[in-house]
Amino acid sequence: MPIHEKSLIRPENLRTNDNLVIEGMDVSGHWSTFIEGRSITDYNENLQDEIAALPGGENIHRCWQCGSCTNACTVNAINPEFNPRYWIYLIRLGMEDELLRDKDIIWQCVSCNKCTYACPRDVAPEGVMKATAHWLELKGHTPKSPSMIFDEGFSSQVFETGKIEDSLVLRNFLKDTGQPLRQPWLESMILGLIKRFPVFYLIRLGLMQVFRPKTKGWGRARKAIEEYVHEVEAANRKALGLKEGAE
């Protein structure tokens, strides 16, 4: 079935008559099924430009709908509704309302980059999926996804100290996503570390949680990075026609 028909033939667009007789012939039930007429008037002519303006979406215009991305997709193998090719198709046509039907699963991209390796046109579908998820959040269509919350927590720690403290990143992520800090798998991992690592190493890890060391001379670098991030965020909002600080 051509991909453009997929967005039109939906259960809510199908009509059947339980009791229908035409010229003496009973065509009740599925024999009388027809597709309700529809005129599409809700195009967003700027949708492709909006996605392309966000990091990762720059090459969406190169897509020629070969389907290599969806065929290689790790998530699609588990959930056929996760379809990068189809969403790129909708974005390029400006069919925003159709895209929003799948807003709750677009963010499920695991960034395995199999689609990017398979793409013959260097579209970088993984980047397009991240740009689309970011677009959904900026437009207020969805709350921040867990992956976006993790990315923000990870980045903020780098900006602040110039270092990565894995335990702090994980603790903040669990807290920000409303998950309990006590996780069975986490407790098992910690017990494993205690058994395998020397005592002085464990003491060092504990001291790092208290004193949180910073990269030497990090102040100026942090200021420059924060200014850059602010400029990028402002540019992203401007590309989407959003005011500074607006959700």
Protein backbone atom coordinates (compact mmCIF):
# COMPACT_ATOMS: atom_id res chain seq x y z
CA MET A 1 0.00 0.00 0.00
CA PRO A 2 1.42 3.43 -0.92
CA ILE A 3 2.58 5.28 2.14
CA HIS A 4 0.30 8.27 1.56
CA GLU A 5 -2.79 6.09 1.96
CA LYS A 6 -1.71 4.96 5.41
CA SER A 7 -2.58 8.34 6.91
CA LEU A 8 -6.05 8.36 5.40
CA ILE A 9 -7.36 4.86 6.00
CA ARG A 10 -7.91 4.90 9.74
CA PRO A 11 -10.65 3.19 11.78
CA GLU A 12 -12.41 6.48 12.46
CA ASN A 13 -12.63 7.15 8.71
CA LEU A 14 -14.36 3.85 7.91
CA ARG A 15 -18.15 3.62 7.80
CA THR A 16 -20.32 0.51 7.58
CA ASN A 17 -24.05 -0.15 7.68
CA ASP A 18 -25.28 -3.05 9.77
CA ASN A 19 -28.49 -3.23 7.77
CA LEU A 20 -28.31 -2.13 4.15
CA VAL A 21 -30.14 -3.53 1.12
CA ILE A 22 -29.44 -2.12 -2.34
CA GLU A 23 -31.64 -3.25 -5.25
CA GLY A 24 -32.63 -6.35 -3.33
CA MET A 25 -29.08 -7.32 -2.40
CA ASP A 26 -28.07 -7.40 1.24
CA VAL A 27 -24.72 -5.60 1.61
CA SER A 28 -24.85 -5.25 5.37
CA GLY A 29 -21.68 -5.27 7.47
CA HIS A 30 -18.26 -5.14 5.82
CA TRP A 31 -19.80 -5.35 2.34
CA SER A 32 -20.99 -1.77 2.76
CA THR A 33 -17.70 -0.39 4.11
CA PHE A 34 -16.56 2.86 2.57
CA ILE A 35 -13.96 5.50 3.40
CA GLU A 36 -15.35 8.78 4.60
CA GLY A 37 -14.43 11.69 2.34
CA ARG A 38 -11.80 14.02 3.66
CA SER A 39 -10.29 17.31 2.62
CA ILE A 40 -6.93 18.13 4.18
CA THR A 41 -6.65 21.82 5.01
CA ASP A 42 -4.42 21.74 8.08
CA TYR A 43 -1.03 21.90 6.39
CA ASN A 44 1.88 23.57 8.13
CA GLU A 45 3.90 24.78 5.16
CA ASN A 46 6.82 25.61 7.43
CA LEU A 47 7.02 22.23 9.19
CA GLN A 48 10.04 20.93 7.28
CA ASP A 49 11.87 24.23 7.76
CA GLU A 50 11.09 24.16 11.49
CA ILE A 51 12.50 20.63 11.89
CA ALA A 52 15.50 21.47 9.69
CA ALA A 53 16.28 24.48 11.89
CA LEU A 54 16.78 22.25 14.95
CA PRO A 55 20.01 20.31 15.62
CA GLY A 56 19.91 16.99 13.78
CA GLY A 57 17.22 17.92 11.26
CA GLU A 58 19.43 19.79 8.81
CA ASN A 59 19.40 17.15 6.06
CA ILE A 60 15.76 16.10 6.12
CA HIS A 61 15.28 17.58 2.62
CA ARG A 62 17.55 14.86 1.20
CA CYS A 63 15.15 12.01 1.99
CA TRP A 64 13.83 10.14 -1.06
CA GLN A 65 11.65 7.69 0.92
CA CYS A 66 13.60 4.50 0.22
CA GLY A 67 12.68 3.13 3.67
CA SER A 68 16.21 2.02 4.62
CA CYS A 69 15.91 3.84 7.95
CA THR A 70 12.75 2.04 9.04
CA ASN A 71 14.04 -1.29 7.74
CA ALA A 72 17.20 -0.93 9.88
CA CYS A 73 15.46 0.55 12.93
CA THR A 74 15.96 -1.24 16.25
CA VAL A 75 12.70 0.08 17.71
CA ASN A 76 10.66 -0.69 14.58
CA ALA A 77 11.64 -4.35 14.91
CA ILE A 78 9.80 -4.36 18.26
CA ASN A 79 7.10 -1.78 17.54
CA PRO A 80 6.10 -1.48 13.84
CA GLU A 81 4.32 1.81 14.62
CA PHE A 82 7.73 3.44 15.14
CA ASN A 83 8.36 4.47 11.53
CA PRO A 84 11.00 7.16 10.78
CA ARG A 85 10.33 6.99 7.04
CA TYR A 86 6.64 7.73 7.55
CA TRP A 87 7.25 10.63 9.92
CA ILE A 88 9.81 12.21 7.61
CA TYR A 89 7.22 11.88 4.85
CA LEU A 90 4.62 13.71 6.96
CA ILE A 91 7.08 16.44 7.93
CA ARG A 92 8.04 17.10 4.32
CA LEU A 93 4.37 17.35 3.34
CA GLY A 94 3.60 19.65 6.28
CA MET A 95 0.98 17.27 7.70
CA GLU A 96 1.37 18.41 11.31
CA ASP A 97 -1.87 16.95 12.67
CA GLU A 98 -1.01 13.53 11.25
CA LEU A 99 2.44 13.74 12.83
CA LEU A 100 0.93 14.58 16.20
CA ARG A 101 -1.03 11.32 16.19
CA ASP A 102 2.27 9.59 16.98
CA LYS A 103 3.68 12.17 19.37
CA ASP A 104 3.81 9.67 22.24
CA ILE A 105 6.17 7.25 20.46
CA ILE A 106 8.44 9.48 18.34
CA TRP A 107 10.71 10.13 21.34
CA GLN A 108 11.36 6.38 21.76
CA CYS A 109 14.36 6.53 19.41
CA VAL A 110 17.29 4.83 21.18
CA SER A 111 19.99 6.57 19.09
CA CYS A 112 21.51 3.28 17.91
CA ASN A 113 22.24 5.06 14.60
CA LYS A 114 21.50 1.96 12.51
CA CYS A 115 19.22 4.13 10.39
CA THR A 116 21.98 6.68 9.84
CA TYR A 117 24.44 4.00 8.73
CA ALA A 118 21.85 2.53 6.34
CA CYS A 119 20.70 5.83 4.81
CA PRO A 120 22.08 6.25 1.25
CA ARG A 121 21.36 9.99 1.24
CA ASP A 122 23.05 11.06 4.49
CA VAL A 123 19.76 12.24 5.95
CA ALA A 124 20.87 11.15 9.46
CA PRO A 125 17.36 9.93 10.44
CA GLU A 126 18.45 9.53 14.07
CA GLY A 127 19.12 13.26 14.17
CA VAL A 128 15.76 13.96 12.53
CA MET A 129 14.01 11.90 15.22
CA LYS A 130 15.77 13.85 17.97
CA ALA A 131 14.96 17.14 16.22
CA THR A 132 11.31 16.09 15.92
CA ALA A 133 11.16 15.14 19.60
CA HIS A 134 12.69 18.52 20.46
CA TRP A 135 10.17 20.24 18.17
CA LEU A 136 7.28 18.49 19.95
CA GLU A 137 8.57 19.68 23.31
CA LEU A 138 9.26 23.27 22.18
CA LYS A 139 5.79 23.50 20.62
CA GLY A 140 4.19 22.28 23.84
CA HIS A 141 2.73 19.14 22.25
CA THR A 142 4.47 16.81 24.71
CA PRO A 143 6.26 17.09 28.05
CA LYS A 144 9.99 16.55 28.04
CA SER A 145 10.80 12.94 27.27
CA PRO A 146 12.96 10.87 29.65
CA SER A 147 15.80 10.93 27.12
CA MET A 148 15.65 14.72 26.93
CA ILE A 149 15.62 14.99 30.73
CA PHE A 150 18.70 12.76 30.87
CA ASP A 151 20.48 14.79 28.17
CA GLU A 152 19.78 18.03 30.01
CA GLY A 153 21.00 16.65 33.33
CA PHE A 154 24.13 15.24 31.74
CA SER A 155 24.89 18.50 29.94
CA SER A 156 24.21 20.73 32.94
CA GLN A 157 26.73 18.79 35.01
CA VAL A 158 29.39 19.20 32.32
CA PHE A 159 28.66 22.92 32.11
CA GLU A 160 28.91 23.32 35.87
CA THR A 161 32.06 21.37 36.67
CA GLY A 162 33.66 20.23 33.42
CA LYS A 163 33.44 16.66 34.73
CA ILE A 164 30.99 13.78 34.69
CA GLU A 165 29.86 12.11 37.90
CA ASP A 166 27.85 9.11 36.78
CA SER A 167 26.20 8.51 40.12
CA LEU A 168 25.00 12.12 40.33
CA VAL A 169 23.67 12.05 36.76
CA LEU A 170 21.75 8.87 37.52
CA ARG A 171 20.43 10.14 40.86
CA ASN A 172 19.18 13.39 39.34
CA PHE A 173 17.62 11.54 36.41
CA LEU A 174 15.64 9.21 38.68
CA LYS A 175 14.53 12.17 40.77
CA ASP A 176 13.51 14.34 37.79
CA THR A 177 11.53 11.51 36.19
CA GLY A 178 9.71 10.65 39.41
CA GLN A 179 11.35 7.27 39.89
CA PRO A 180 12.41 5.91 43.30
CA LEU A 181 16.11 6.20 44.06
CA ARG A 182 16.16 2.63 45.31
CA GLN A 183 16.19 0.43 42.23
CA PRO A 184 16.84 -3.34 42.53
CA TRP A 185 19.24 -3.35 39.58
CA LEU A 186 21.09 -0.33 40.99
CA GLU A 187 21.46 -1.91 44.41
CA SER A 188 22.83 -5.09 42.82
CA MET A 189 25.33 -3.06 40.82
CA ILE A 190 26.50 -1.12 43.90
CA LEU A 191 26.96 -4.34 45.87
CA GLY A 192 28.98 -5.72 42.99
CA LEU A 193 31.22 -2.65 42.99
CA ILE A 194 31.77 -2.88 46.74
CA LYS A 195 32.91 -6.49 46.39
CA ARG A 196 35.18 -5.93 43.40
CA PHE A 197 36.83 -2.52 43.90
CA PRO A 198 39.55 -1.63 46.45
CA VAL A 199 38.52 0.28 49.56
CA PHE A 200 40.56 3.38 48.67
CA TYR A 201 38.74 3.64 45.34
CA LEU A 202 35.35 3.48 47.03
CA ILE A 203 36.46 6.15 49.53
CA ARG A 204 37.52 8.35 46.63
CA LEU A 205 34.12 7.93 44.98
CA GLY A 206 32.44 8.94 48.25
CA LEU A 207 34.60 12.05 48.61
CA MET A 208 33.76 13.09 45.03
CA GLN A 209 30.07 13.05 45.94
CA VAL A 210 30.74 15.50 48.77
CA PHE A 211 33.30 17.88 47.28
CA ARG A 212 32.38 17.60 43.57
CA PRO A 213 35.74 18.57 42.01
CA LYS A 214 35.84 20.90 39.01
CA THR A 215 38.15 21.07 36.05
CA LYS A 216 40.93 23.55 36.70
CA GLY A 217 40.24 26.98 35.21
CA TRP A 218 36.75 25.93 34.19
CA GLY A 219 35.05 29.27 34.95
CA ARG A 220 35.72 31.00 31.62
CA ALA A 221 34.99 27.85 29.63
CA ARG A 222 31.69 27.43 31.45
CA LYS A 223 30.68 31.02 30.72
CA ALA A 224 31.47 30.60 27.01
CA ILE A 225 29.49 27.34 26.82
CA GLU A 226 26.51 28.83 28.64
CA GLU A 227 26.46 31.78 26.25
CA TYR A 228 26.60 29.42 23.26
CA VAL A 229 23.78 27.24 24.61
CA HIS A 230 21.65 30.34 25.21
CA GLU A 231 22.27 31.51 21.63
CA VAL A 232 21.34 28.10 20.20
CA GLU A 233 18.16 27.88 22.27
CA ALA A 234 17.16 31.40 21.24
CA ALA A 235 17.79 30.52 17.58
CA ASN A 236 15.69 27.35 17.90
CA ARG A 237 12.76 29.27 19.37
CA LYS A 238 13.03 31.97 16.74
CA ALA A 239 12.97 29.35 13.97
CA LEU A 240 9.72 27.99 15.42
CA GLY A 241 8.23 31.44 15.90
CA LEU A 242 8.32 31.19 19.70
CA LYS A 243 9.06 34.04 22.06
CA GLU A 244 12.06 33.89 24.36
CA GLY A 245 11.25 31.74 27.37
CA ALA A 246 7.83 30.71 26.00
CA GLU A 247 6.69 27.10 26.14
